[in-house]
C-alpha atoms as a PDB file:
ATOM      1  CA  MET A   1     -40.012 -71.504 -27.112  1.00  0.00           C
ATOM      2  CA  LYS A   2     -41.647 -74.824 -26.593  1.00  0.00           C
ATOM      3  CA  GLY A   3     -40.127 -78.161 -25.692  1.00  0.00           C
ATOM      4  CA  GLY A   4     -36.394 -78.581 -25.668  1.00  0.00           C
ATOM      5  CA  TRP A   5     -35.683 -75.672 -28.013  1.00  0.00           C
ATOM      6  CA  GLY A   6     -35.401 -73.240 -25.099  1.00  0.00           C
ATOM      7  CA  TYR A   7     -32.840 -75.448 -23.398  1.00  0.00           C
ATOM      8  CA  MET A   8     -30.947 -75.764 -26.651  1.00  0.00           C
ATOM      9  CA  GLY A   9     -30.901 -71.973 -26.995  1.00  0.00           C
ATOM     10  CA  VAL A  10     -29.439 -71.553 -23.516  1.00  0.00           C
ATOM     11  CA  ALA A  11     -26.869 -74.273 -24.217  1.00  0.00           C
ATOM     12  CA  LEU A  12     -25.852 -72.460 -27.398  1.00  0.00           C
ATOM     13  CA  ILE A  13     -25.335 -69.208 -25.516  1.00  0.00           C
ATOM     14  CA  LEU A  14     -23.255 -70.942 -22.868  1.00  0.00           C
ATOM     15  CA  PHE A  15     -21.225 -73.363 -24.974  1.00  0.00           C
ATOM     16  CA  HIS A  16     -21.007 -71.552 -28.308  1.00  0.00           C
ATOM     17  CA  PHE A  17     -20.025 -68.187 -26.874  1.00  0.00           C
ATOM     18  CA  ALA A  18     -19.415 -67.922 -23.120  1.00  0.00           C
ATOM     19  CA  PHE A  19     -17.381 -71.095 -22.533  1.00  0.00           C
ATOM     20  CA  PRO A  20     -14.887 -70.572 -25.409  1.00  0.00           C
ATOM     21  CA  TYR A  21     -14.655 -66.856 -24.618  1.00  0.00           C
ATOM     22  CA  LEU A  22     -13.742 -67.503 -20.996  1.00  0.00           C
ATOM     23  CA  LEU A  23     -11.231 -70.196 -21.947  1.00  0.00           C
ATOM     24  CA  LEU A  24      -9.530 -67.970 -24.502  1.00  0.00           C
ATOM     25  CA  LEU A  25      -8.983 -65.276 -21.873  1.00  0.00           C
ATOM     26  CA  LYS A  26      -6.263 -67.438 -20.315  1.00  0.00           C
ATOM     27  CA  GLN A  27      -2.800 -66.953 -21.807  1.00  0.00           C
ATOM     28  CA  ASP A  28      -1.460 -70.424 -21.035  1.00  0.00           C
ATOM     29  CA  LEU A  29      -4.293 -72.184 -22.899  1.00  0.00           C
ATOM     30  CA  LYS A  30      -3.581 -70.204 -26.053  1.00  0.00           C
ATOM     31  CA  ARG A  31       0.055 -71.318 -26.018  1.00  0.00           C
ATOM     32  CA  LYS A  32      -0.769 -75.050 -26.139  1.00  0.00           C
ATOM     33  CA  ALA A  33      -1.572 -76.134 -29.677  1.00  0.00           C
ATOM     34  CA  LYS A  34      -3.459 -79.326 -28.755  1.00  0.00           C
ATOM     35  CA  ILE A  35      -5.795 -77.529 -26.377  1.00  0.00           C
ATOM     36  CA  LEU A  36      -6.351 -74.736 -28.883  1.00  0.00           C
ATOM     37  CA  ALA A  37      -7.095 -77.255 -31.660  1.00  0.00           C
ATOM     38  CA  SER A  38      -9.559 -79.165 -29.486  1.00  0.00           C
ATOM     39  CA  LEU A  39     -11.286 -75.912 -28.564  1.00  0.00           C
ATOM     40  CA  ALA A  40     -11.515 -75.037 -32.275  1.00  0.00           C
ATOM     41  CA  LEU A  41     -13.141 -78.413 -32.989  1.00  0.00           C
ATOM     42  CA  PHE A  42     -15.559 -77.855 -30.125  1.00  0.00           C
ATOM     43  CA  ILE A  43     -16.496 -74.437 -31.550  1.00  0.00           C
ATOM     44  CA  LEU A  44     -17.048 -76.001 -34.993  1.00  0.00           C
ATOM     45  CA  PHE A  45     -19.270 -78.680 -33.459  1.00  0.00           C
ATOM     46  CA  MET A  46     -21.292 -76.040 -31.636  1.00  0.00           C
ATOM     47  CA  ARG A  47     -21.608 -74.154 -34.923  1.00  0.00           C
ATOM     48  CA  LEU A  48     -23.233 -77.252 -36.437  1.00  0.00           C
ATOM     49  CA  VAL A  49     -25.604 -77.419 -33.475  1.00  0.00           C
ATOM     50  CA  ASP A  50     -26.380 -73.727 -34.018  1.00  0.00           C
ATOM     51  CA  MET A  51     -27.143 -74.329 -37.693  1.00  0.00           C
ATOM     52  CA  PHE A  52     -29.495 -77.180 -36.791  1.00  0.00           C
ATOM     53  CA  TYR A  53     -31.152 -74.924 -34.217  1.00  0.00           C
ATOM     54  CA  GLN A  54     -31.804 -72.302 -36.880  1.00  0.00           C
ATOM     55  CA  ILE A  55     -32.946 -74.512 -39.764  1.00  0.00           C
ATOM     56  CA  GLY A  56     -34.040 -77.715 -38.049  1.00  0.00           C
ATOM     57  CA  PRO A  57     -37.389 -79.280 -38.827  1.00  0.00           C
ATOM     58  CA  THR A  58     -40.513 -78.661 -36.795  1.00  0.00           C
ATOM     59  CA  PHE A  59     -42.199 -81.631 -35.162  1.00  0.00           C
ATOM     60  CA  ARG A  60     -46.020 -81.616 -35.204  1.00  0.00           C
ATOM     61  CA  VAL A  61     -48.428 -84.180 -33.798  1.00  0.00           C
ATOM     62  CA  ASP A  62     -51.588 -84.771 -35.829  1.00  0.00           C
ATOM     63  CA  ARG A  63     -54.592 -84.770 -33.483  1.00  0.00           C
ATOM     64  CA  ARG A  64     -56.641 -87.151 -35.628  1.00  0.00           C
ATOM     65  CA  THR A  65     -54.089 -89.944 -35.904  1.00  0.00           C
ATOM     66  CA  ARG A  66     -51.863 -89.011 -32.931  1.00  0.00           C
ATOM     67  CA  ALA A  67     -48.882 -89.684 -35.155  1.00  0.00           C
ATOM     68  CA  GLY A  68     -45.964 -87.336 -35.500  1.00  0.00           C
ATOM     69  CA  SER A  69     -44.828 -85.852 -38.760  1.00  0.00           C
ATOM     70  CA  ILE A  70     -41.824 -83.757 -39.618  1.00  0.00           C
ATOM     71  CA  LEU A  71     -42.557 -80.592 -41.542  1.00  0.00           C
ATOM     72  CA  CYS A  72     -39.926 -78.951 -43.692  1.00  0.00           C
END
């Protein structure tokens, strides 16, 4: 993967799966509704990031004009 997409992929693995998984292993965090709700919102936000990662536009630089264009 080129550019920042590789870093975004690693961040998705860490923050969309590993971080919530490790937090939900603790019993006391699952008993507090506010913490559980904030973790659910965080997971939903990371799901949006994941969707952008999968269907986001590709950025290409035209060599003739050196201008960027977004391809869909």
